[in-house]
Amino acid sequence: MRVTDSVERVAASLELIGTAADGVSVSEVAAALDVHKATASRMLGTLARRGLVERDAVTMRYRVGPRLVSLAGGAVARLPI
């Protein structure tokens, strides 16, 4: 199966953010993805603009955003349980 590097990075970022109790910094995302901090910052900014992540104004750390929670809720609602 062929993959797209940028989509892989976004998915890895969301997985990292989703498992971090205190959120993640741009530097942590850049290190985890092995990309430049500017690349990680632009990606996180785009995700934040879409509401998939949000940045804490005090700590400057990123956490799961309301749009991602909404999407997850829709997926859970469709589960046959």
C-alpha atoms as a PDB file:
ATOM      1  CA  MET A   1       0.000   0.000   0.000  1.00  0.00           C
ATOM      2  CA  ARG A   2       1.305   3.436  -0.909  1.00  0.00           C
ATOM      3  CA  VAL A   3       1.288   6.140   1.731  1.00  0.00           C
ATOM      4  CA  THR A   4       1.587   9.904   1.767  1.00  0.00           C
ATOM      5  CA  ASP A   5       4.283  11.216   4.094  1.00  0.00           C
ATOM      6  CA  SER A   6       2.362  14.333   5.091  1.00  0.00           C
ATOM      7  CA  VAL A   7      -0.717  12.314   6.054  1.00  0.00           C
ATOM      8  CA  GLU A   8       1.486   9.908   8.014  1.00  0.00           C
ATOM      9  CA  ARG A   9       2.904  12.888   9.918  1.00  0.00           C
ATOM     10  CA  VAL A  10      -0.540  14.266  10.708  1.00  0.00           C
ATOM     11  CA  ALA A  11      -1.766  10.878  11.933  1.00  0.00           C
ATOM     12  CA  ALA A  12       1.346  10.390  14.073  1.00  0.00           C
ATOM     13  CA  SER A  13       0.925  13.878  15.519  1.00  0.00           C
ATOM     14  CA  LEU A  14      -2.695  13.266  16.443  1.00  0.00           C
ATOM     15  CA  GLU A  15      -1.769   9.943  18.052  1.00  0.00           C
ATOM     16  CA  LEU A  16       0.997  11.637  20.042  1.00  0.00           C
ATOM     17  CA  ILE A  17      -1.269  14.480  21.157  1.00  0.00           C
ATOM     18  CA  GLY A  18      -4.075  12.087  22.007  1.00  0.00           C
ATOM     19  CA  THR A  19      -1.901  10.102  24.388  1.00  0.00           C
ATOM     20  CA  ALA A  20      -0.157  13.026  26.104  1.00  0.00           C
ATOM     21  CA  ALA A  21      -1.878  13.910  29.373  1.00  0.00           C
ATOM     22  CA  ASP A  22      -0.345  17.396  29.475  1.00  0.00           C
ATOM     23  CA  GLY A  23      -0.317  18.075  25.746  1.00  0.00           C
ATOM     24  CA  VAL A  24       2.776  18.384  23.583  1.00  0.00           C
ATOM     25  CA  SER A  25       5.044  21.187  22.492  1.00  0.00           C
ATOM     26  CA  VAL A  26       6.057  22.017  18.950  1.00  0.00           C
ATOM     27  CA  SER A  27       9.569  20.786  19.789  1.00  0.00           C
ATOM     28  CA  GLU A  28       8.247  17.449  21.017  1.00  0.00           C
ATOM     29  CA  VAL A  29       6.203  16.942  17.857  1.00  0.00           C
ATOM     30  CA  ALA A  30       9.170  17.927  15.682  1.00  0.00           C
ATOM     31  CA  ALA A  31      11.437  15.464  17.498  1.00  0.00           C
ATOM     32  CA  ALA A  32       8.895  12.635  17.335  1.00  0.00           C
ATOM     33  CA  LEU A  33       8.392  13.136  13.607  1.00  0.00           C
ATOM     34  CA  ASP A  34      12.024  13.965  12.839  1.00  0.00           C
ATOM     35  CA  VAL A  35      11.058  17.209  11.120  1.00  0.00           C
ATOM     36  CA  HIS A  36      12.128  20.830  11.561  1.00  0.00           C
ATOM     37  CA  LYS A  37      10.320  22.826  14.248  1.00  0.00           C
ATOM     38  CA  ALA A  38       8.929  25.174  11.577  1.00  0.00           C
ATOM     39  CA  THR A  39       7.342  22.221   9.775  1.00  0.00           C
ATOM     40  CA  ALA A  40       5.794  20.923  12.991  1.00  0.00           C
ATOM     41  CA  SER A  41       4.565  24.421  13.868  1.00  0.00           C
ATOM     42  CA  ARG A  42       2.860  24.903  10.493  1.00  0.00           C
ATOM     43  CA  MET A  43       1.238  21.490  10.693  1.00  0.00           C
ATOM     44  CA  LEU A  44      -0.041  22.089  14.230  1.00  0.00           C
ATOM     45  CA  GLY A  45      -1.274  25.534  13.210  1.00  0.00           C
ATOM     46  CA  THR A  46      -3.266  24.011  10.375  1.00  0.00           C
ATOM     47  CA  LEU A  47      -4.728  21.363  12.669  1.00  0.00           C
ATOM     48  CA  ALA A  48      -5.608  24.071  15.201  1.00  0.00           C
ATOM     49  CA  ARG A  49      -7.313  26.172  12.548  1.00  0.00           C
ATOM     50  CA  ARG A  50      -9.494  23.151  11.757  1.00  0.00           C
ATOM     51  CA  GLY A  51     -10.245  22.595  15.454  1.00  0.00           C
ATOM     52  CA  LEU A  52      -8.552  19.195  15.526  1.00  0.00           C
ATOM     53  CA  VAL A  53      -6.057  20.401  18.123  1.00  0.00           C
ATOM     54  CA  GLU A  54      -5.902  23.464  20.333  1.00  0.00           C
ATOM     55  CA  ARG A  55      -3.016  25.324  21.915  1.00  0.00           C
ATOM     56  CA  ASP A  56      -3.087  26.246  25.565  1.00  0.00           C
ATOM     57  CA  ALA A  57      -2.423  29.997  25.748  1.00  0.00           C
ATOM     58  CA  VAL A  58      -0.449  29.668  28.986  1.00  0.00           C
ATOM     59  CA  THR A  59       1.672  26.559  28.413  1.00  0.00           C
ATOM     60  CA  MET A  60       1.777  26.829  24.600  1.00  0.00           C
ATOM     61  CA  ARG A  61       1.244  23.058  24.471  1.00  0.00           C
ATOM     62  CA  TYR A  62      -1.137  21.395  22.046  1.00  0.00           C
ATOM     63  CA  ARG A  63      -3.951  19.067  23.071  1.00  0.00           C
ATOM     64  CA  VAL A  64      -6.906  17.380  21.390  1.00  0.00           C
ATOM     65  CA  GLY A  65      -9.329  19.939  20.000  1.00  0.00           C
ATOM     66  CA  PRO A  66     -13.118  20.084  20.014  1.00  0.00           C
ATOM     67  CA  ARG A  67     -13.519  19.076  16.369  1.00  0.00           C
ATOM     68  CA  LEU A  68     -11.534  15.883  16.908  1.00  0.00           C
ATOM     69  CA  VAL A  69     -13.650  15.068  19.971  1.00  0.00           C
ATOM     70  CA  SER A  70     -16.771  15.616  17.883  1.00  0.00           C
ATOM     71  CA  LEU A  71     -15.509  13.311  15.135  1.00  0.00           C
ATOM     72  CA  ALA A  72     -14.621  10.641  17.680  1.00  0.00           C
ATOM     73  CA  GLY A  73     -18.076  10.928  19.249  1.00  0.00           C
ATOM     74  CA  GLY A  74     -19.692  10.344  15.873  1.00  0.00           C
ATOM     75  CA  ALA A  75     -17.560   7.258  15.304  1.00  0.00           C
ATOM     76  CA  VAL A  76     -18.411   5.866  18.747  1.00  0.00           C
ATOM     77  CA  ALA A  77     -22.117   6.442  18.128  1.00  0.00           C
ATOM     78  CA  ARG A  78     -21.930   4.231  15.030  1.00  0.00           C
ATOM     79  CA  LEU A  79     -20.345   1.280  16.836  1.00  0.00           C
ATOM     80  CA  PRO A  80     -22.630  -1.755  17.104  1.00  0.00           C
ATOM     81  CA  ILE A  81     -22.528  -2.059  20.889  1.00  0.00           C
END
